[in-house]
Every structure is written in C-alpha cells, then in structure tokens.
Amino acid sequence: MTVAVGYLHASGLPVRVSAKEAAVLAEQVTSGQTDVRTLADTLKEWTERS
C-alpha cells in the first residue's frame, strides 16, 4: 500500500487517507476480499478527496 500511495504522490496526485482506512484495505487485499479493480477504484477515490 505504501508503494501505491508513494507512486500516486510522486505523480502529483495528493492522497488523503487515514491509517485505519489503509490498514482495512490492506487486510481486504491480502485476504482476497478485494480484487485489483476494487483496489484501483479505492485508490482513485483517495486521490479525489483533496
């Protein structure tokens, strides 16, 4: 998750997310509850909060 947020930030996209939100998403990804498309949608939402 840190890499994805770092990449978005380096690309000029500000990311607004709490540590709790990031932890929940990471758990969902590692447990297989979240697929790549859902992950991408969530990261996009985090960049649009600014």
N, C-alpha and C. Protein backbone atom coordinates (compact mmCIF):
# COMPACT_ATOMS: atom_id res chain seq x y z
N MET A 1 0.82 -1.18 0.00
CA MET A 1 0.00 0.00 0.00
C MET A 1 0.87 1.25 0.00
N THR A 2 1.93 1.22 0.77
CA THR A 2 2.82 2.36 0.85
C THR A 2 3.41 2.70 -0.51
N VAL A 3 3.73 1.68 -1.27
CA VAL A 3 4.30 1.91 -2.60
C VAL A 3 3.27 2.59 -3.51
N ALA A 4 2.04 2.13 -3.46
CA ALA A 4 0.98 2.72 -4.30
C ALA A 4 0.75 4.17 -3.94
N VAL A 5 0.67 4.46 -2.65
CA VAL A 5 0.46 5.85 -2.22
C VAL A 5 1.67 6.71 -2.58
N GLY A 6 2.87 6.17 -2.40
CA GLY A 6 4.08 6.90 -2.78
C GLY A 6 4.12 7.21 -4.26
N TYR A 7 3.73 6.24 -5.07
CA TYR A 7 3.70 6.43 -6.53
C TYR A 7 2.70 7.53 -6.91
N LEU A 8 1.51 7.47 -6.32
CA LEU A 8 0.49 8.48 -6.63
C LEU A 8 0.98 9.87 -6.22
N HIS A 9 1.58 9.96 -5.05
CA HIS A 9 2.08 11.24 -4.57
C HIS A 9 3.20 11.77 -5.48
N ALA A 10 4.12 10.89 -5.87
CA ALA A 10 5.20 11.28 -6.76
C ALA A 10 4.69 11.70 -8.13
N SER A 11 3.54 11.18 -8.52
CA SER A 11 2.93 11.52 -9.80
C SER A 11 2.15 12.82 -9.74
N GLY A 12 2.15 13.45 -8.57
CA GLY A 12 1.46 14.72 -8.42
C GLY A 12 0.01 14.60 -7.98
N LEU A 13 -0.39 13.41 -7.57
CA LEU A 13 -1.75 13.21 -7.10
C LEU A 13 -1.76 13.14 -5.58
N PRO A 14 -2.31 14.14 -4.92
CA PRO A 14 -2.34 14.11 -3.46
C PRO A 14 -3.26 12.99 -2.97
N VAL A 15 -2.82 12.29 -1.96
CA VAL A 15 -3.59 11.16 -1.43
C VAL A 15 -4.05 11.51 -0.03
N ARG A 16 -5.35 11.41 0.20
CA ARG A 16 -5.92 11.69 1.51
C ARG A 16 -6.53 10.39 2.05
N VAL A 17 -5.87 9.81 3.04
CA VAL A 17 -6.34 8.55 3.61
C VAL A 17 -5.86 8.44 5.04
N SER A 18 -6.69 7.86 5.88
CA SER A 18 -6.28 7.63 7.26
C SER A 18 -5.53 6.30 7.36
N ALA A 19 -4.78 6.16 8.42
CA ALA A 19 -4.05 4.91 8.64
C ALA A 19 -5.02 3.74 8.77
N LYS A 20 -6.16 3.98 9.39
CA LYS A 20 -7.15 2.92 9.57
C LYS A 20 -7.71 2.46 8.23
N GLU A 21 -8.02 3.42 7.35
CA GLU A 21 -8.54 3.07 6.02
C GLU A 21 -7.52 2.25 5.24
N ALA A 22 -6.27 2.66 5.31
CA ALA A 22 -5.20 1.94 4.61
C ALA A 22 -5.05 0.53 5.16
N ALA A 23 -5.12 0.39 6.48
CA ALA A 23 -4.99 -0.93 7.10
C ALA A 23 -6.14 -1.85 6.72
N VAL A 24 -7.34 -1.32 6.69
CA VAL A 24 -8.51 -2.12 6.31
C VAL A 24 -8.38 -2.57 4.86
N LEU A 25 -7.99 -1.67 3.98
CA LEU A 25 -7.84 -2.04 2.57
C LEU A 25 -6.74 -3.08 2.40
N ALA A 26 -5.63 -2.90 3.09
CA ALA A 26 -4.54 -3.88 3.01
C ALA A 26 -5.00 -5.26 3.47
N GLU A 27 -5.75 -5.31 4.53
CA GLU A 27 -6.27 -6.59 5.03
C GLU A 27 -7.22 -7.22 4.01
N GLN A 28 -8.08 -6.42 3.40
CA GLN A 28 -9.01 -6.94 2.40
C GLN A 28 -8.27 -7.49 1.19
N VAL A 29 -7.20 -6.83 0.79
CA VAL A 29 -6.42 -7.29 -0.36
C VAL A 29 -5.71 -8.60 -0.02
N THR A 30 -5.05 -8.65 1.13
CA THR A 30 -4.29 -9.86 1.48
C THR A 30 -5.19 -11.05 1.74
N SER A 31 -6.42 -10.81 2.17
CA SER A 31 -7.34 -11.93 2.43
C SER A 31 -8.11 -12.35 1.18
N GLY A 32 -7.95 -11.60 0.10
CA GLY A 32 -8.63 -11.94 -1.15
C GLY A 32 -10.04 -11.39 -1.26
N GLN A 33 -10.43 -10.53 -0.32
CA GLN A 33 -11.78 -9.95 -0.34
C GLN A 33 -11.91 -8.82 -1.35
N THR A 34 -10.77 -8.25 -1.74
CA THR A 34 -10.77 -7.12 -2.67
C THR A 34 -9.94 -7.48 -3.89
N ASP A 35 -10.51 -7.26 -5.07
CA ASP A 35 -9.77 -7.56 -6.30
C ASP A 35 -9.05 -6.31 -6.80
N VAL A 36 -8.32 -6.46 -7.87
CA VAL A 36 -7.50 -5.37 -8.40
C VAL A 36 -8.35 -4.18 -8.83
N ARG A 37 -9.47 -4.42 -9.42
CA ARG A 37 -10.33 -3.30 -9.87
C ARG A 37 -10.87 -2.50 -8.69
N THR A 38 -11.28 -3.21 -7.65
CA THR A 38 -11.78 -2.52 -6.46
C THR A 38 -10.66 -1.74 -5.79
N LEU A 39 -9.47 -2.33 -5.75
CA LEU A 39 -8.31 -1.64 -5.19
C LEU A 39 -8.03 -0.36 -5.97
N ALA A 40 -8.03 -0.44 -7.29
CA ALA A 40 -7.79 0.73 -8.14
C ALA A 40 -8.86 1.80 -7.91
N ASP A 41 -10.11 1.39 -7.81
CA ASP A 41 -11.19 2.35 -7.56
C ASP A 41 -11.00 3.06 -6.21
N THR A 42 -10.59 2.30 -5.20
CA THR A 42 -10.38 2.88 -3.88
C THR A 42 -9.23 3.88 -3.90
N LEU A 43 -8.13 3.51 -4.55
CA LEU A 43 -7.00 4.45 -4.65
C LEU A 43 -7.41 5.72 -5.39
N LYS A 44 -8.23 5.56 -6.41
CA LYS A 44 -8.71 6.73 -7.16
C LYS A 44 -9.57 7.63 -6.26
N GLU A 45 -10.42 7.02 -5.45
CA GLU A 45 -11.25 7.80 -4.52
C GLU A 45 -10.37 8.57 -3.55
N TRP A 46 -9.30 7.95 -3.07
CA TRP A 46 -8.42 8.61 -2.12
C TRP A 46 -7.74 9.82 -2.74
N THR A 47 -7.46 9.80 -4.04
CA THR A 47 -6.83 10.94 -4.68
C THR A 47 -7.83 12.05 -4.99
N GLU A 48 -9.10 11.71 -5.04
CA GLU A 48 -10.12 12.70 -5.37
C GLU A 48 -10.64 13.44 -4.14
N ARG A 49 -10.22 13.08 -2.97
CA ARG A 49 -10.70 13.72 -1.73
C ARG A 49 -10.13 15.10 -1.51
N SER A 50 -9.10 15.42 -2.21
CA SER A 50 -8.41 16.70 -1.98
C SER A 50 -9.24 17.88 -2.40
